[in-house]
Amino acid sequence: ALPICRQSERQIKLFDVRDLSQALKGLEYPVGSGAYIPMFDEDTGVLFTAAKGDSSISYFEATNEDPFLFELSSFSSKVPQKGACILPKMACELDKCEIARILRLVDGSIEVV
């Protein structure tokens, strides 16, 4: 779940689908007004998060054990994105050790991340 609270603080929360009454893990994230665009790669357990109006995409590894979620890295640009999506694995360049390929919609073009 990627809720935004009243102070526009973003949060990433992980829940056990067998018990949705309490989050397993919650992370505070930088303040912003844009909605999150979560993209999860089940093969690698990596969660990519982009937000409309932001110029970065963050990468997290999700595991079945505590701490459940930790930040790996991030991509930054000077141009804010209007949207993002993850492509099928067939689009990855395996000879370059690519595990995922993300498209960012920016003003007048689409960028490959």
C-alpha atoms as a PDB file:
ATOM      1  CA  ALA A   1       0.000   0.000   0.000  1.00  0.00           C
ATOM      2  CA  LEU A   2       1.276   3.457  -0.826  1.00  0.00           C
ATOM      3  CA  PRO A   3      -0.860   5.912   1.159  1.00  0.00           C
ATOM      4  CA  ILE A   4      -0.333   9.647   1.417  1.00  0.00           C
ATOM      5  CA  CYS A   5      -1.166  11.159   4.812  1.00  0.00           C
ATOM      6  CA  ARG A   6      -2.525  14.643   5.537  1.00  0.00           C
ATOM      7  CA  GLN A   7       0.912  16.299   5.667  1.00  0.00           C
ATOM      8  CA  SER A   8       1.697  14.905   2.161  1.00  0.00           C
ATOM      9  CA  GLU A   9       4.265  12.545   3.662  1.00  0.00           C
ATOM     10  CA  ARG A  10       4.433   9.467   1.512  1.00  0.00           C
ATOM     11  CA  GLN A  11       4.525   6.047   3.077  1.00  0.00           C
ATOM     12  CA  ILE A  12       5.289   2.580   1.787  1.00  0.00           C
ATOM     13  CA  LYS A  13       3.601  -0.172   3.782  1.00  0.00           C
ATOM     14  CA  LEU A  14       3.827  -3.945   3.393  1.00  0.00           C
ATOM     15  CA  PHE A  15       1.013  -6.191   4.581  1.00  0.00           C
ATOM     16  CA  ASP A  16       0.611  -9.931   5.039  1.00  0.00           C
ATOM     17  CA  VAL A  17      -2.409 -10.840   2.898  1.00  0.00           C
ATOM     18  CA  ARG A  18      -3.557 -13.269   5.632  1.00  0.00           C
ATOM     19  CA  ASP A  19      -3.776 -10.414   8.178  1.00  0.00           C
ATOM     20  CA  LEU A  20      -4.433  -6.945   6.782  1.00  0.00           C
ATOM     21  CA  SER A  21      -5.123  -5.400  10.197  1.00  0.00           C
ATOM     22  CA  GLN A  22      -1.495  -4.320  10.719  1.00  0.00           C
ATOM     23  CA  ALA A  23       1.396  -3.501   8.392  1.00  0.00           C
ATOM     24  CA  LEU A  24       4.514  -5.670   8.552  1.00  0.00           C
ATOM     25  CA  LYS A  25       6.718  -2.731   7.613  1.00  0.00           C
ATOM     26  CA  GLY A  26       6.225   0.951   7.003  1.00  0.00           C
ATOM     27  CA  LEU A  27       8.699   3.406   5.521  1.00  0.00           C
ATOM     28  CA  GLU A  28       8.399   7.186   5.454  1.00  0.00           C
ATOM     29  CA  TYR A  29       9.280   8.731   2.148  1.00  0.00           C
ATOM     30  CA  PRO A  30      10.004  12.309   0.991  1.00  0.00           C
ATOM     31  CA  VAL A  31       7.117  14.762   0.932  1.00  0.00           C
ATOM     32  CA  GLY A  32       5.393  15.192  -2.404  1.00  0.00           C
ATOM     33  CA  SER A  33       1.995  15.689  -3.930  1.00  0.00           C
ATOM     34  CA  GLY A  34       2.106  13.178  -6.795  1.00  0.00           C
ATOM     35  CA  ALA A  35       0.585   9.719  -6.643  1.00  0.00           C
ATOM     36  CA  TYR A  36       2.910   6.730  -6.419  1.00  0.00           C
ATOM     37  CA  ILE A  37       3.271   4.334  -9.312  1.00  0.00           C
ATOM     38  CA  PRO A  38       4.412   1.024  -7.761  1.00  0.00           C
ATOM     39  CA  MET A  39       5.954  -1.601 -10.053  1.00  0.00           C
ATOM     40  CA  PHE A  40       6.931  -4.997  -8.600  1.00  0.00           C
ATOM     41  CA  ASP A  41       9.187  -7.552 -10.283  1.00  0.00           C
ATOM     42  CA  GLU A  42       8.199 -10.936  -8.824  1.00  0.00           C
ATOM     43  CA  ASP A  43      11.230 -12.697 -10.324  1.00  0.00           C
ATOM     44  CA  THR A  44      13.773 -10.582  -8.435  1.00  0.00           C
ATOM     45  CA  GLY A  45      11.626  -9.305  -5.543  1.00  0.00           C
ATOM     46  CA  VAL A  46      12.391  -5.691  -6.473  1.00  0.00           C
ATOM     47  CA  LEU A  47       9.841  -2.913  -5.963  1.00  0.00           C
ATOM     48  CA  PHE A  48      10.268   0.144  -8.185  1.00  0.00           C
ATOM     49  CA  THR A  49       8.463   3.316  -7.103  1.00  0.00           C
ATOM     50  CA  ALA A  50       7.923   6.387  -9.233  1.00  0.00           C
ATOM     51  CA  ALA A  51       5.633   9.302  -8.520  1.00  0.00           C
ATOM     52  CA  LYS A  52       3.916  11.674 -10.883  1.00  0.00           C
ATOM     53  CA  GLY A  53       5.709  15.012 -10.849  1.00  0.00           C
ATOM     54  CA  ASP A  54       8.910  13.571  -9.346  1.00  0.00           C
ATOM     55  CA  SER A  55      12.137  13.176 -11.251  1.00  0.00           C
ATOM     56  CA  SER A  56      13.352   9.996  -9.562  1.00  0.00           C
ATOM     57  CA  ILE A  57      12.581   6.287  -9.380  1.00  0.00           C
ATOM     58  CA  SER A  58      13.559   4.318  -6.258  1.00  0.00           C
ATOM     59  CA  TYR A  59      14.356   0.612  -6.042  1.00  0.00           C
ATOM     60  CA  PHE A  60      13.620  -1.563  -2.990  1.00  0.00           C
ATOM     61  CA  GLU A  61      14.209  -5.250  -2.337  1.00  0.00           C
ATOM     62  CA  ALA A  62      11.278  -7.075  -0.754  1.00  0.00           C
ATOM     63  CA  THR A  63      11.940 -10.213   1.331  1.00  0.00           C
ATOM     64  CA  ASN A  64       9.895 -12.580   3.462  1.00  0.00           C
ATOM     65  CA  GLU A  65      11.950 -11.823   6.583  1.00  0.00           C
ATOM     66  CA  ASP A  66      12.427  -8.728   8.715  1.00  0.00           C
ATOM     67  CA  PRO A  67      13.213  -5.945   7.643  1.00  0.00           C
ATOM     68  CA  PHE A  68      10.969  -7.038   4.680  1.00  0.00           C
ATOM     69  CA  LEU A  69      11.866  -3.978   2.595  1.00  0.00           C
ATOM     70  CA  PHE A  70      15.084  -2.036   2.159  1.00  0.00           C
ATOM     71  CA  GLU A  71      16.242   0.551  -0.334  1.00  0.00           C
ATOM     72  CA  LEU A  72      18.677  -0.567  -3.029  1.00  0.00           C
ATOM     73  CA  SER A  73      19.261   2.495  -5.179  1.00  0.00           C
ATOM     74  CA  SER A  74      17.523   5.189  -7.179  1.00  0.00           C
ATOM     75  CA  PHE A  75      17.473   6.810 -10.598  1.00  0.00           C
ATOM     76  CA  SER A  76      17.406  10.611 -10.818  1.00  0.00           C
ATOM     77  CA  SER A  77      16.789  13.018 -13.650  1.00  0.00           C
ATOM     78  CA  LYS A  78      16.236  16.756 -13.968  1.00  0.00           C
ATOM     79  CA  VAL A  79      12.980  16.192 -15.865  1.00  0.00           C
ATOM     80  CA  PRO A  80       9.841  15.229 -13.883  1.00  0.00           C
ATOM     81  CA  GLN A  81       7.827  12.234 -15.059  1.00  0.00           C
ATOM     82  CA  LYS A  82       4.145  12.139 -15.849  1.00  0.00           C
ATOM     83  CA  GLY A  83       3.995   8.356 -15.650  1.00  0.00           C
ATOM     84  CA  ALA A  84       6.069   5.172 -15.643  1.00  0.00           C
ATOM     85  CA  CYS A  85       5.679   1.480 -16.448  1.00  0.00           C
ATOM     86  CA  ILE A  86       7.784  -1.654 -16.305  1.00  0.00           C
ATOM     87  CA  LEU A  87       8.267  -3.624 -19.519  1.00  0.00           C
ATOM     88  CA  PRO A  88       8.071  -7.424 -19.892  1.00  0.00           C
ATOM     89  CA  LYS A  89      11.317  -9.349 -19.278  1.00  0.00           C
ATOM     90  CA  MET A  90      11.664  -9.994 -23.019  1.00  0.00           C
ATOM     91  CA  ALA A  91      12.576  -6.302 -23.435  1.00  0.00           C
ATOM     92  CA  CYS A  92      15.606  -6.571 -21.090  1.00  0.00           C
ATOM     93  CA  GLU A  93      19.132  -6.748 -22.461  1.00  0.00           C
ATOM     94  CA  LEU A  94      20.448  -9.788 -20.603  1.00  0.00           C
ATOM     95  CA  ASP A  95      23.963  -9.443 -22.027  1.00  0.00           C
ATOM     96  CA  LYS A  96      24.136  -6.122 -20.119  1.00  0.00           C
ATOM     97  CA  CYS A  97      22.838  -7.771 -16.881  1.00  0.00           C
ATOM     98  CA  GLU A  98      19.590  -5.798 -17.068  1.00  0.00           C
ATOM     99  CA  ILE A  99      16.968  -7.096 -14.611  1.00  0.00           C
ATOM    100  CA  ALA A 100      14.202  -4.648 -15.541  1.00  0.00           C
ATOM    101  CA  ARG A 101      13.435  -1.929 -18.037  1.00  0.00           C
ATOM    102  CA  ILE A 102      11.233   0.993 -17.101  1.00  0.00           C
ATOM    103  CA  LEU A 103       9.712   3.604 -19.390  1.00  0.00           C
ATOM    104  CA  ARG A 104       9.201   7.162 -18.107  1.00  0.00           C
ATOM    105  CA  LEU A 105       6.698   9.490 -19.731  1.00  0.00           C
ATOM    106  CA  VAL A 106       8.118  13.015 -19.742  1.00  0.00           C
ATOM    107  CA  ASP A 107       7.180  16.168 -21.643  1.00  0.00           C
ATOM    108  CA  GLY A 108       6.972  15.222 -25.303  1.00  0.00           C
ATOM    109  CA  SER A 109       8.874  11.924 -25.096  1.00  0.00           C
ATOM    110  CA  ILE A 110       9.314   8.515 -23.505  1.00  0.00           C
ATOM    111  CA  GLU A 111      12.630   7.693 -21.808  1.00  0.00           C
ATOM    112  CA  VAL A 112      14.054   4.246 -21.108  1.00  0.00           C
ATOM    113  CA  VAL A 113      15.481   3.783 -17.611  1.00  0.00           C
END
